[in-house]
Amino acid sequence: MIAAFVSLLLFGCSAERRNRTQTMAQPTPRTQFEQDLDYVRKGQFIHIYVISRLDGEPFDSNDIAYLKANAHPETNMWVMTDDGRRVIAGTNFDWTRENFVALSKRFKIEDRTER
């Protein structure tokens, strides 16, 4: 009887510990935005900007045209993410003050460049 109790205690504890370890080892699921931002970061761009409309709504064709007309013309990568609510720009060129002034009239711009 004592042997049965000891073996139950040992096997029960190890199963619980194993389940707890497996639970802790599982990473938190990343959002599509986080995955897309990581994708742009892997491009090793000098600057990474996340752009969204001031009202938080999805980009429409006029927004995209305005964005591309007023951003640096040699911006290397554009990734639409977050159900069309954000655009991630990766570039190796410095955007000018004029770029930021024009874009900030219509959009929120976050600098996500890793320093």
PDB file of N, CA and C in Angstrom:
ATOM      1  N   MET A   1       0.820  -1.181   0.000  1.00  0.00           N
ATOM      2  CA  MET A   1       0.000   0.000   0.000  1.00  0.00           C
ATOM      3  C   MET A   1       0.871   1.255   0.000  1.00  0.00           C
ATOM      4  N   ILE A   2       1.897   1.254   0.810  1.00  0.00           N
ATOM      5  CA  ILE A   2       2.799   2.401   0.847  1.00  0.00           C
ATOM      6  C   ILE A   2       3.493   2.561  -0.498  1.00  0.00           C
ATOM      7  N   ALA A   3       3.890   1.444  -1.112  1.00  0.00           N
ATOM      8  CA  ALA A   3       4.550   1.501  -2.424  1.00  0.00           C
ATOM      9  C   ALA A   3       3.616   2.094  -3.469  1.00  0.00           C
ATOM     10  N   ALA A   4       2.347   1.743  -3.413  1.00  0.00           N
ATOM     11  CA  ALA A   4       1.370   2.283  -4.372  1.00  0.00           C
ATOM     12  C   ALA A   4       1.220   3.784  -4.172  1.00  0.00           C
ATOM     13  N   PHE A   5       1.166   4.220  -2.919  1.00  0.00           N
ATOM     14  CA  PHE A   5       1.034   5.642  -2.621  1.00  0.00           C
ATOM     15  C   PHE A   5       2.253   6.425  -3.107  1.00  0.00           C
ATOM     16  N   VAL A   6       3.452   5.893  -2.839  1.00  0.00           N
ATOM     17  CA  VAL A   6       4.688   6.555  -3.260  1.00  0.00           C
ATOM     18  C   VAL A   6       4.764   6.628  -4.780  1.00  0.00           C
ATOM     19  N   SER A   7       4.421   5.529  -5.475  1.00  0.00           N
ATOM     20  CA  SER A   7       4.495   5.555  -6.938  1.00  0.00           C
ATOM     21  C   SER A   7       3.461   6.519  -7.512  1.00  0.00           C
ATOM     22  N   LEU A   8       2.267   6.585  -6.918  1.00  0.00           N
ATOM     23  CA  LEU A   8       1.251   7.530  -7.370  1.00  0.00           C
ATOM     24  C   LEU A   8       1.740   8.961  -7.175  1.00  0.00           C
ATOM     25  N   LEU A   9       2.349   9.200  -6.041  1.00  0.00           N
ATOM     26  CA  LEU A   9       2.873  10.528  -5.749  1.00  0.00           C
ATOM     27  C   LEU A   9       3.967  10.918  -6.739  1.00  0.00           C
ATOM     28  N   LEU A  10       4.877  10.003  -7.025  1.00  0.00           N
ATOM     29  CA  LEU A  10       5.975  10.291  -7.950  1.00  0.00           C
ATOM     30  C   LEU A  10       5.479  10.499  -9.374  1.00  0.00           C
ATOM     31  N   PHE A  11       4.630   9.602  -9.844  1.00  0.00           N
ATOM     32  CA  PHE A  11       4.138   9.724 -11.218  1.00  0.00           C
ATOM     33  C   PHE A  11       3.196  10.913 -11.367  1.00  0.00           C
ATOM     34  N   GLY A  12       2.388  11.164 -10.358  1.00  0.00           N
ATOM     35  CA  GLY A  12       1.466  12.297 -10.404  1.00  0.00           C
ATOM     36  C   GLY A  12       2.210  13.616 -10.453  1.00  0.00           C
ATOM     37  N   CYS A  13       3.247  13.763  -9.649  1.00  0.00           N
ATOM     38  CA  CYS A  13       4.021  15.003  -9.631  1.00  0.00           C
ATOM     39  C   CYS A  13       4.764  15.209 -10.937  1.00  0.00           C
ATOM     40  N   SER A  14       5.335  14.138 -11.468  1.00  0.00           N
ATOM     41  CA  SER A  14       6.104  14.315 -12.705  1.00  0.00           C
ATOM     42  C   SER A  14       5.190  14.690 -13.864  1.00  0.00           C
ATOM     43  N   ALA A  15       3.979  14.141 -13.903  1.00  0.00           N
ATOM     44  CA  ALA A  15       3.043  14.497 -14.975  1.00  0.00           C
ATOM     45  C   ALA A  15       2.628  15.955 -14.844  1.00  0.00           C
ATOM     46  N   GLU A  16       2.381  16.388 -13.604  1.00  0.00           N
ATOM     47  CA  GLU A  16       1.996  17.785 -13.394  1.00  0.00           C
ATOM     48  C   GLU A  16       3.136  18.722 -13.789  1.00  0.00           C
ATOM     49  N   ARG A  17       4.354  18.386 -13.384  1.00  0.00           N
ATOM     50  CA  ARG A  17       5.513  19.208 -13.713  1.00  0.00           C
ATOM     51  C   ARG A  17       5.715  19.248 -15.226  1.00  0.00           C
ATOM     52  N   ARG A  18       5.539  18.106 -15.886  1.00  0.00           N
ATOM     53  CA  ARG A  18       5.705  18.029 -17.338  1.00  0.00           C
ATOM     54  C   ARG A  18       4.668  18.925 -18.031  1.00  0.00           C
ATOM     55  N   ASN A  19       3.412  18.883 -17.585  1.00  0.00           N
ATOM     56  CA  ASN A  19       2.367  19.720 -18.181  1.00  0.00           C
ATOM     57  C   ASN A  19       2.645  21.199 -17.959  1.00  0.00           C
ATOM     58  N   ARG A  20       3.111  21.554 -16.767  1.00  0.00           N
ATOM     59  CA  ARG A  20       3.418  22.947 -16.465  1.00  0.00           C
ATOM     60  C   ARG A  20       4.566  23.438 -17.343  1.00  0.00           C
ATOM     61  N   THR A  21       5.583  22.621 -17.539  1.00  0.00           N
ATOM     62  CA  THR A  21       6.721  22.987 -18.382  1.00  0.00           C
ATOM     63  C   THR A  21       6.281  23.173 -19.827  1.00  0.00           C
ATOM     64  N   GLN A  22       5.432  22.286 -20.321  1.00  0.00           N
ATOM     65  CA  GLN A  22       4.954  22.413 -21.699  1.00  0.00           C
ATOM     66  C   GLN A  22       4.129  23.678 -21.869  1.00  0.00           C
ATOM     67  N   THR A  23       3.309  24.004 -20.874  1.00  0.00           N
ATOM     68  CA  THR A  23       2.490  25.209 -20.945  1.00  0.00           C
ATOM     69  C   THR A  23       3.370  26.449 -20.962  1.00  0.00           C
ATOM     70  N   MET A  24       4.399  26.476 -20.131  1.00  0.00           N
ATOM     71  CA  MET A  24       5.278  27.637 -20.059  1.00  0.00           C
ATOM     72  C   MET A  24       6.122  27.776 -21.319  1.00  0.00           C
ATOM     73  N   ALA A  25       6.434  26.693 -21.990  1.00  0.00           N
ATOM     74  CA  ALA A  25       7.320  26.737 -23.148  1.00  0.00           C
ATOM     75  C   ALA A  25       6.619  27.230 -24.410  1.00  0.00           C
ATOM     76  N   GLN A  26       5.294  27.187 -24.439  1.00  0.00           N
ATOM     77  CA  GLN A  26       4.580  27.597 -25.638  1.00  0.00           C
ATOM     78  C   GLN A  26       4.592  29.119 -25.750  1.00  0.00           C
ATOM     79  N   PRO A  27       5.061  29.659 -26.876  1.00  0.00           N
ATOM     80  CA  PRO A  27       5.103  31.113 -27.029  1.00  0.00           C
ATOM     81  C   PRO A  27       3.699  31.676 -27.235  1.00  0.00           C
ATOM     82  N   THR A  28       3.555  32.927 -26.877  1.00  0.00           N
ATOM     83  CA  THR A  28       2.291  33.611 -27.100  1.00  0.00           C
ATOM     84  C   THR A  28       2.096  33.796 -28.597  1.00  0.00           C
ATOM     85  N   PRO A  29       0.917  33.500 -29.110  1.00  0.00           N
ATOM     86  CA  PRO A  29       0.692  33.693 -30.549  1.00  0.00           C
ATOM     87  C   PRO A  29       0.900  35.158 -30.927  1.00  0.00           C
ATOM     88  N   ARG A  30       1.616  35.378 -32.008  1.00  0.00           N
ATOM     89  CA  ARG A  30       1.885  36.739 -32.459  1.00  0.00           C
ATOM     90  C   ARG A  30       0.772  37.191 -33.389  1.00  0.00           C
ATOM     91  N   THR A  31       0.481  38.472 -33.335  1.00  0.00           N
ATOM     92  CA  THR A  31      -0.540  39.025 -34.220  1.00  0.00           C
ATOM     93  C   THR A  31       0.023  39.134 -35.634  1.00  0.00           C
ATOM     94  N   GLN A  32      -0.857  39.321 -36.589  1.00  0.00           N
ATOM     95  CA  GLN A  32      -0.415  39.503 -37.974  1.00  0.00           C
ATOM     96  C   GLN A  32       0.479  40.736 -38.081  1.00  0.00           C
ATOM     97  N   PHE A  33       0.128  41.804 -37.355  1.00  0.00           N
ATOM     98  CA  PHE A  33       0.954  43.009 -37.362  1.00  0.00           C
ATOM     99  C   PHE A  33       2.368  42.703 -36.860  1.00  0.00           C
ATOM    100  N   GLU A  34       2.492  41.983 -35.751  1.00  0.00           N
ATOM    101  CA  GLU A  34       3.816  41.645 -35.214  1.00  0.00           C
ATOM    102  C   GLU A  34       4.617  40.809 -36.202  1.00  0.00           C
ATOM    103  N   GLN A  35       3.953  39.873 -36.875  1.00  0.00           N
ATOM    104  CA  GLN A  35       4.634  39.047 -37.872  1.00  0.00           C
ATOM    105  C   GLN A  35       5.103  39.902 -39.051  1.00  0.00           C
ATOM    106  N   ASP A  36       4.255  40.815 -39.507  1.00  0.00           N
ATOM    107  CA  ASP A  36       4.622  41.672 -40.636  1.00  0.00           C
ATOM    108  C   ASP A  36       5.746  42.633 -40.264  1.00  0.00           C
ATOM    109  N   LEU A  37       5.701  43.182 -39.052  1.00  0.00           N
ATOM    110  CA  LEU A  37       6.767  44.074 -38.596  1.00  0.00           C
ATOM    111  C   LEU A  37       8.089  43.312 -38.522  1.00  0.00           C
ATOM    112  N   ASP A  38       8.056  42.094 -38.028  1.00  0.00           N
ATOM    113  CA  ASP A  38       9.260  41.264 -37.969  1.00  0.00           C
ATOM    114  C   ASP A  38       9.790  40.989 -39.377  1.00  0.00           C
ATOM    115  N   TYR A  39       8.890  40.734 -40.311  1.00  0.00           N
ATOM    116  CA  TYR A  39       9.273  40.497 -41.712  1.00  0.00           C
ATOM    117  C   TYR A  39      10.021  41.708 -42.283  1.00  0.00           C
ATOM    118  N   VAL A  40       9.512  42.905 -42.024  1.00  0.00           N
ATOM    119  CA  VAL A  40      10.179  44.117 -42.519  1.00  0.00           C
ATOM    120  C   VAL A  40      11.509  44.311 -41.795  1.00  0.00           C
ATOM    121  N   ARG A  41      11.540  44.052 -40.499  1.00  0.00           N
ATOM    122  CA  ARG A  41      12.797  44.192 -39.741  1.00  0.00           C
ATOM    123  C   ARG A  41      13.885  43.269 -40.280  1.00  0.00           C
ATOM    124  N   LYS A  42      13.507  42.091 -40.728  1.00  0.00           N
ATOM    125  CA  LYS A  42      14.494  41.160 -41.280  1.00  0.00           C
ATOM    126  C   LYS A  42      15.099  41.679 -42.581  1.00  0.00           C
ATOM    127  N   GLY A  43      14.473  42.675 -43.185  1.00  0.00           N
ATOM    128  CA  GLY A  43      15.020  43.298 -44.390  1.00  0.00           C
ATOM    129  C   GLY A  43      16.185  44.229 -44.096  1.00  0.00           C
ATOM    130  N   GLN A  44      16.480  44.439 -42.820  1.00  0.00           N
ATOM    131  CA  GLN A  44      17.610  45.250 -42.364  1.00  0.00           C
ATOM    132  C   GLN A  44      17.576  46.664 -42.936  1.00  0.00           C
ATOM    133  N   PHE A  45      16.407  47.267 -42.896  1.00  0.00           N
ATOM    134  CA  PHE A  45      16.268  48.643 -43.355  1.00  0.00           C
ATOM    135  C   PHE A  45      16.809  49.603 -42.310  1.00  0.00           C
ATOM    136  N   ILE A  46      17.276  50.742 -42.766  1.00  0.00           N
ATOM    137  CA  ILE A  46      17.783  51.764 -41.857  1.00  0.00           C
ATOM    138  C   ILE A  46      16.631  52.389 -41.071  1.00  0.00           C
ATOM    139  N   HIS A  47      15.487  52.583 -41.733  1.00  0.00           N
ATOM    140  CA  HIS A  47      14.312  53.181 -41.091  1.00  0.00           C
ATOM    141  C   HIS A  47      13.093  52.297 -41.323  1.00  0.00           C
ATOM    142  N   ILE A  48      12.270  52.172 -40.284  1.00  0.00           N
ATOM    143  CA  ILE A  48      10.996  51.462 -40.391  1.00  0.00           C
ATOM    144  C   ILE A  48       9.928  52.356 -39.766  1.00  0.00           C
ATOM    145  N   TYR A  49       8.895  52.639 -40.552  1.00  0.00           N
ATOM    146  CA  TYR A  49       7.798  53.478 -40.088  1.00  0.00           C
ATOM    147  C   TYR A  49       6.488  52.700 -40.178  1.00  0.00           C
ATOM    148  N   VAL A  50       5.638  52.897 -39.180  1.00  0.00           N
ATOM    149  CA  VAL A  50       4.293  52.331 -39.202  1.00  0.00           C
ATOM    150  C   VAL A  50       3.336  53.506 -39.359  1.00  0.00           C
ATOM    151  N   ILE A  51       2.511  53.425 -40.384  1.00  0.00           N
ATOM    152  CA  ILE A  51       1.638  54.536 -40.746  1.00  0.00           C
ATOM    153  C   ILE A  51       0.189  54.076 -40.647  1.00  0.00           C
ATOM    154  N   SER A  52      -0.642  54.907 -40.027  1.00  0.00           N
ATOM    155  CA  SER A  52      -2.071  54.601 -39.930  1.00  0.00           C
ATOM    156  C   SER A  52      -2.870  55.886 -40.116  1.00  0.00           C
ATOM    157  N   ARG A  53      -4.112  55.726 -40.507  1.00  0.00           N
ATOM    158  CA  ARG A  53      -4.986  56.888 -40.647  1.00  0.00           C
ATOM    159  C   ARG A  53      -5.270  57.468 -39.271  1.00  0.00           C
ATOM    160  N   LEU A  54      -5.488  58.772 -39.204  1.00  0.00           N
ATOM    161  CA  LEU A  54      -5.763  59.424 -37.927  1.00  0.00           C
ATOM    162  C   LEU A  54      -7.055  58.912 -37.290  1.00  0.00           C
ATOM    163  N   ASP A  55      -8.019  58.515 -38.124  1.00  0.00           N
ATOM    164  CA  ASP A  55      -9.291  58.011 -37.594  1.00  0.00           C
ATOM    165  C   ASP A  55      -9.279  56.504 -37.343  1.00  0.00           C
ATOM    166  N   GLY A  56      -8.162  55.835 -37.645  1.00  0.00           N
ATOM    167  CA  GLY A  56      -8.028  54.404 -37.393  1.00  0.00           C
ATOM    168  C   GLY A  56      -8.719  53.509 -38.404  1.00  0.00           C
ATOM    169  N   GLU A  57      -9.339  54.089 -39.406  1.00  0.00           N
ATOM    170  CA  GLU A  57     -10.034  53.305 -40.433  1.00  0.00           C
ATOM    171  C   GLU A  57      -9.025  52.684 -41.403  1.00  0.00           C
ATOM    172  N   PRO A  58      -9.456  51.681 -42.170  1.00  0.00           N
ATOM    173  CA  PRO A  58      -8.561  51.087 -43.176  1.00  0.00           C
ATOM    174  C   PRO A  58      -8.200  52.092 -44.274  1.00  0.00           C
ATOM    175  N   PHE A  59      -7.042  51.885 -44.852  1.00  0.00           N
ATOM    176  CA  PHE A  59      -6.589  52.710 -45.974  1.00  0.00           C
ATOM    177  C   PHE A  59      -7.488  52.457 -47.179  1.00  0.00           C
ATOM    178  N   ASP A  60      -7.768  53.517 -47.933  1.00  0.00           N
ATOM    179  CA  ASP A  60      -8.465  53.352 -49.209  1.00  0.00           C
ATOM    180  C   ASP A  60      -7.488  53.722 -50.327  1.00  0.00           C
ATOM    181  N   SER A  61      -7.923  53.643 -51.556  1.00  0.00           N
ATOM    182  CA  SER A  61      -7.013  53.884 -52.689  1.00  0.00           C
ATOM    183  C   SER A  61      -6.484  55.317 -52.696  1.00  0.00           C
ATOM    184  N   ASN A  62      -7.285  56.293 -52.241  1.00  0.00           N
ATOM    185  CA  ASN A  62      -6.810  57.680 -52.170  1.00  0.00           C
ATOM    186  C   ASN A  62      -5.710  57.829 -51.119  1.00  0.00           C
ATOM    187  N   ASP A  63      -5.859  57.133 -49.993  1.00  0.00           N
ATOM    188  CA  ASP A  63      -4.831  57.170 -48.946  1.00  0.00           C
ATOM    189  C   ASP A  63      -3.510  56.607 -49.460  1.00  0.00           C
ATOM    190  N   ILE A  64      -3.581  55.495 -50.163  1.00  0.00           N
ATOM    191  CA  ILE A  64      -2.367  54.861 -50.692  1.00  0.00           C
ATOM    192  C   ILE A  64      -1.688  55.787 -51.693  1.00  0.00           C
ATOM    193  N   ALA A  65      -2.472  56.403 -52.563  1.00  0.00           N
ATOM    194  CA  ALA A  65      -1.907  57.329 -53.552  1.00  0.00           C
ATOM    195  C   ALA A  65      -1.242  58.507 -52.849  1.00  0.00           C
ATOM    196  N   TYR A  66      -1.886  59.063 -51.828  1.00  0.00           N
ATOM    197  CA  TYR A  66      -1.324  60.188 -51.080  1.00  0.00           C
ATOM    198  C   TYR A  66      -0.048  59.761 -50.357  1.00  0.00           C
ATOM    199  N   LEU A  67      -0.081  58.603 -49.755  1.00  0.00           N
ATOM    200  CA  LEU A  67       1.084  58.081 -49.037  1.00  0.00           C
ATOM    201  C   LEU A  67       2.281  57.942 -49.967  1.00  0.00           C
ATOM    202  N   LYS A  68       2.079  57.313 -51.091  1.00  0.00           N
ATOM    203  CA  LYS A  68       3.192  57.092 -52.023  1.00  0.00           C
ATOM    204  C   LYS A  68       3.658  58.386 -52.678  1.00  0.00           C
ATOM    205  N   ALA A  69       2.761  59.340 -52.871  1.00  0.00           N
ATOM    206  CA  ALA A  69       3.142  60.625 -53.471  1.00  0.00           C
ATOM    207  C   ALA A  69       3.942  61.487 -52.503  1.00  0.00           C
ATOM    208  N   ASN A  70       3.748  61.292 -51.197  1.00  0.00           N
ATOM    209  CA  ASN A  70       4.379  62.173 -50.217  1.00  0.00           C
ATOM    210  C   ASN A  70       5.474  61.523 -49.382  1.00  0.00           C
ATOM    211  N   ALA A  71       5.695  60.239 -49.548  1.00  0.00           N
ATOM    212  CA  ALA A  71       6.812  59.566 -48.865  1.00  0.00           C
ATOM    213  C   ALA A  71       8.050  59.691 -49.748  1.00  0.00           C
ATOM    214  N   HIS A  72       9.190  59.352 -49.193  1.00  0.00           N
ATOM    215  CA  HIS A  72      10.416  59.376 -50.000  1.00  0.00           C
ATOM    216  C   HIS A  72      10.211  58.455 -51.198  1.00  0.00           C
ATOM    217  N   PRO A  73      10.551  58.912 -52.397  1.00  0.00           N
ATOM    218  CA  PRO A  73      10.271  58.109 -53.600  1.00  0.00           C
ATOM    219  C   PRO A  73      11.025  56.780 -53.663  1.00  0.00           C
ATOM    220  N   GLU A  74      12.092  56.655 -52.909  1.00  0.00           N
ATOM    221  CA  GLU A  74      12.862  55.411 -52.961  1.00  0.00           C
ATOM    222  C   GLU A  74      12.639  54.532 -51.731  1.00  0.00           C
ATOM    223  N   THR A  75      11.470  54.665 -51.130  1.00  0.00           N
ATOM    224  CA  THR A  75      11.119  53.770 -50.024  1.00  0.00           C
ATOM    225  C   THR A  75      11.063  52.358 -50.583  1.00  0.00           C
ATOM    226  N   ASN A  76      11.808  51.458 -49.960  1.00  0.00           N
ATOM    227  CA  ASN A  76      12.030  50.131 -50.523  1.00  0.00           C
ATOM    228  C   ASN A  76      10.879  49.150 -50.364  1.00  0.00           C
ATOM    229  N   MET A  77      10.181  49.204 -49.231  1.00  0.00           N
ATOM    230  CA  MET A  77       9.179  48.172 -48.965  1.00  0.00           C
ATOM    231  C   MET A  77       7.939  48.790 -48.338  1.00  0.00           C
ATOM    232  N   TRP A  78       6.798  48.318 -48.821  1.00  0.00           N
ATOM    233  CA  TRP A  78       5.501  48.695 -48.255  1.00  0.00           C
ATOM    234  C   TRP A  78       4.757  47.411 -47.915  1.00  0.00           C
ATOM    235  N   VAL A  79       4.287  47.283 -46.674  1.00  0.00           N
ATOM    236  CA  VAL A  79       3.516  46.111 -46.271  1.00  0.00           C
ATOM    237  C   VAL A  79       2.237  46.599 -45.591  1.00  0.00           C
ATOM    238  N   MET A  80       1.093  46.263 -46.184  1.00  0.00           N
ATOM    239  CA  MET A  80      -0.186  46.585 -45.561  1.00  0.00           C
ATOM    240  C   MET A  80      -0.503  45.482 -44.566  1.00  0.00           C
ATOM    241  N   THR A  81      -0.950  45.874 -43.374  1.00  0.00           N
ATOM    242  CA  THR A  81      -1.182  44.915 -42.303  1.00  0.00           C
ATOM    243  C   THR A  81      -2.377  45.341 -41.464  1.00  0.00           C
ATOM    244  N   ASP A  82      -2.683  44.539 -40.470  1.00  0.00           N
ATOM    245  CA  ASP A  82      -3.725  44.871 -39.502  1.00  0.00           C
ATOM    246  C   ASP A  82      -5.059  45.154 -40.193  1.00  0.00           C
ATOM    247  N   ASP A  83      -5.438  44.260 -41.109  1.00  0.00           N
ATOM    248  CA  ASP A  83      -6.695  44.382 -41.863  1.00  0.00           C
ATOM    249  C   ASP A  83      -6.793  45.702 -42.618  1.00  0.00           C
ATOM    250  N   GLY A  84      -5.660  46.152 -43.157  1.00  0.00           N
ATOM    251  CA  GLY A  84      -5.641  47.369 -43.957  1.00  0.00           C
ATOM    252  C   GLY A  84      -5.598  48.652 -43.148  1.00  0.00           C
ATOM    253  N   ARG A  85      -5.432  48.537 -41.839  1.00  0.00           N
ATOM    254  CA  ARG A  85      -5.436  49.722 -40.979  1.00  0.00           C
ATOM    255  C   ARG A  85      -4.048  50.325 -40.769  1.00  0.00           C
ATOM    256  N   ARG A  86      -3.017  49.594 -41.112  1.00  0.00           N
ATOM    257  CA  ARG A  86      -1.646  50.101 -40.957  1.00  0.00           C
ATOM    258  C   ARG A  86      -0.813  49.690 -42.157  1.00  0.00           C
ATOM    259  N   VAL A  87       0.162  50.533 -42.458  1.00  0.00           N
ATOM    260  CA  VAL A  87       1.142  50.235 -43.496  1.00  0.00           C
ATOM    261  C   VAL A  87       2.512  50.335 -42.845  1.00  0.00           C
ATOM    262  N   ILE A  88       3.351  49.349 -43.096  1.00  0.00           N
ATOM    263  CA  ILE A  88       4.724  49.370 -42.589  1.00  0.00           C
ATOM    264  C   ILE A  88       5.624  49.711 -43.765  1.00  0.00           C
ATOM    265  N   ALA A  89       6.446  50.738 -43.584  1.00  0.00           N
ATOM    266  CA  ALA A  89       7.377  51.165 -44.630  1.00  0.00           C
ATOM    267  C   ALA A  89       8.795  50.870 -44.173  1.00  0.00           C
ATOM    268  N   GLY A  90       9.557  50.208 -45.027  1.00  0.00           N
ATOM    269  CA  GLY A  90      10.968  49.954 -44.771  1.00  0.00           C
ATOM    270  C   GLY A  90      11.785  50.695 -45.809  1.00  0.00           C
ATOM    271  N   THR A  91      12.777  51.452 -45.351  1.00  0.00           N
ATOM    272  CA  THR A  91      13.562  52.253 -46.283  1.00  0.00           C
ATOM    273  C   THR A  91      15.006  52.407 -45.822  1.00  0.00           C
ATOM    274  N   ASN A  92      15.873  52.578 -46.778  1.00  0.00           N
ATOM    275  CA  ASN A  92      17.275  52.875 -46.489  1.00  0.00           C
ATOM    276  C   ASN A  92      17.590  54.335 -46.771  1.00  0.00           C
ATOM    277  N   PHE A  93      16.549  55.128 -46.981  1.00  0.00           N
ATOM    278  CA  PHE A  93      16.705  56.549 -47.291  1.00  0.00           C
ATOM    279  C   PHE A  93      16.047  57.380 -46.203  1.00  0.00           C
ATOM    280  N   ASP A  94      16.645  58.521 -45.905  1.00  0.00           N
ATOM    281  CA  ASP A  94      16.079  59.429 -44.909  1.00  0.00           C
ATOM    282  C   ASP A  94      14.895  60.170 -45.503  1.00  0.00           C
ATOM    283  N   TRP A  95      13.768  60.109 -44.821  1.00  0.00           N
ATOM    284  CA  TRP A  95      12.627  60.912 -45.236  1.00  0.00           C
ATOM    285  C   TRP A  95      12.905  62.351 -44.806  1.00  0.00           C
ATOM    286  N   THR A  96      12.487  63.292 -45.614  1.00  0.00           N
ATOM    287  CA  THR A  96      12.723  64.703 -45.311  1.00  0.00           C
ATOM    288  C   THR A  96      11.660  65.226 -44.351  1.00  0.00           C
ATOM    289  N   ARG A  97      11.926  66.407 -43.834  1.00  0.00           N
ATOM    290  CA  ARG A  97      10.937  67.071 -42.985  1.00  0.00           C
ATOM    291  C   ARG A  97       9.644  67.262 -43.768  1.00  0.00           C
ATOM    292  N   GLU A  98       9.779  67.608 -45.043  1.00  0.00           N
ATOM    293  CA  GLU A  98       8.602  67.817 -45.896  1.00  0.00           C
ATOM    294  C   GLU A  98       7.778  66.534 -46.025  1.00  0.00           C
ATOM    295  N   ASN A  99       8.462  65.395 -46.130  1.00  0.00           N
ATOM    296  CA  ASN A  99       7.741  64.117 -46.175  1.00  0.00           C
ATOM    297  C   ASN A  99       6.883  63.950 -44.922  1.00  0.00           C
ATOM    298  N   PHE A 100       7.497  64.167 -43.757  1.00  0.00           N
ATOM    299  CA  PHE A 100       6.782  63.980 -42.495  1.00  0.00           C
ATOM    300  C   PHE A 100       5.647  64.986 -42.319  1.00  0.00           C
ATOM    301  N   VAL A 101       5.886  66.243 -42.694  1.00  0.00           N
ATOM    302  CA  VAL A 101       4.845  67.269 -42.563  1.00  0.00           C
ATOM    303  C   VAL A 101       3.644  66.914 -43.431  1.00  0.00           C
ATOM    304  N   ALA A 102       3.892  66.562 -44.686  1.00  0.00           N
ATOM    305  CA  ALA A 102       2.794  66.225 -45.601  1.00  0.00           C
ATOM    306  C   ALA A 102       2.036  64.989 -45.118  1.00  0.00           C
ATOM    307  N   LEU A 103       2.755  63.967 -44.706  1.00  0.00           N
ATOM    308  CA  LEU A 103       2.103  62.727 -44.277  1.00  0.00           C
ATOM    309  C   LEU A 103       1.350  62.894 -42.959  1.00  0.00           C
ATOM    310  N   SER A 104       1.891  63.701 -42.050  1.00  0.00           N
ATOM    311  CA  SER A 104       1.241  63.854 -40.742  1.00  0.00           C
ATOM    312  C   SER A 104      -0.059  64.651 -40.824  1.00  0.00           C
ATOM    313  N   LYS A 105      -0.322  65.293 -41.934  1.00  0.00           N
ATOM    314  CA  LYS A 105      -1.611  65.966 -42.115  1.00  0.00           C
ATOM    315  C   LYS A 105      -2.746  64.949 -42.188  1.00  0.00           C
ATOM    316  N   ARG A 106      -2.414  63.763 -42.623  1.00  0.00           N
ATOM    317  CA  ARG A 106      -3.431  62.742 -42.870  1.00  0.00           C
ATOM    318  C   ARG A 106      -3.230  61.458 -42.070  1.00  0.00           C
ATOM    319  N   PHE A 107      -1.999  61.227 -41.614  1.00  0.00           N
ATOM    320  CA  PHE A 107      -1.665  59.948 -40.993  1.00  0.00           C
ATOM    321  C   PHE A 107      -0.903  60.124 -39.686  1.00  0.00           C
ATOM    322  N   LYS A 108      -0.975  59.087 -38.874  1.00  0.00           N
ATOM    323  CA  LYS A 108      -0.117  58.966 -37.692  1.00  0.00           C
ATOM    324  C   LYS A 108       1.099  58.166 -38.142  1.00  0.00           C
ATOM    325  N   ILE A 109       2.293  58.634 -37.806  1.00  0.00           N
ATOM    326  CA  ILE A 109       3.530  57.964 -38.216  1.00  0.00           C
ATOM    327  C   ILE A 109       4.306  57.576 -36.957  1.00  0.00           C
ATOM    328  N   GLU A 110       4.597  56.291 -36.832  1.00  0.00           N
ATOM    329  CA  GLU A 110       5.390  55.787 -35.713  1.00  0.00           C
ATOM    330  C   GLU A 110       6.741  55.322 -36.240  1.00  0.00           C
ATOM    331  N   ASP A 111       7.801  55.784 -35.610  1.00  0.00           N
ATOM    332  CA  ASP A 111       9.141  55.320 -35.975  1.00  0.00           C
ATOM    333  C   ASP A 111       9.397  54.020 -35.220  1.00  0.00           C
ATOM    334  N   ARG A 112       9.477  52.903 -35.930  1.00  0.00           N
ATOM    335  CA  ARG A 112       9.719  51.591 -35.332  1.00  0.00           C
ATOM    336  C   ARG A 112      11.123  51.088 -35.644  1.00  0.00           C
ATOM    337  N   THR A 113      12.010  52.019 -35.983  1.00  0.00           N
ATOM    338  CA  THR A 113      13.391  51.660 -36.262  1.00  0.00           C
ATOM    339  C   THR A 113      14.033  51.163 -34.974  1.00  0.00           C
ATOM    340  N   GLU A 114      14.692  50.013 -35.039  1.00  0.00           N
ATOM    341  CA  GLU A 114      15.415  49.508 -33.870  1.00  0.00           C
ATOM    342  C   GLU A 114      16.743  50.229 -33.793  1.00  0.00           C
ATOM    343  N   ARG A 115      17.031  50.746 -32.662  1.00  0.00           N
ATOM    344  CA  ARG A 115      18.284  51.510 -32.485  1.00  0.00           C
ATOM    345  C   ARG A 115      19.359  50.619 -31.919  1.00  0.00           C
TER     346      ARG A 115
END
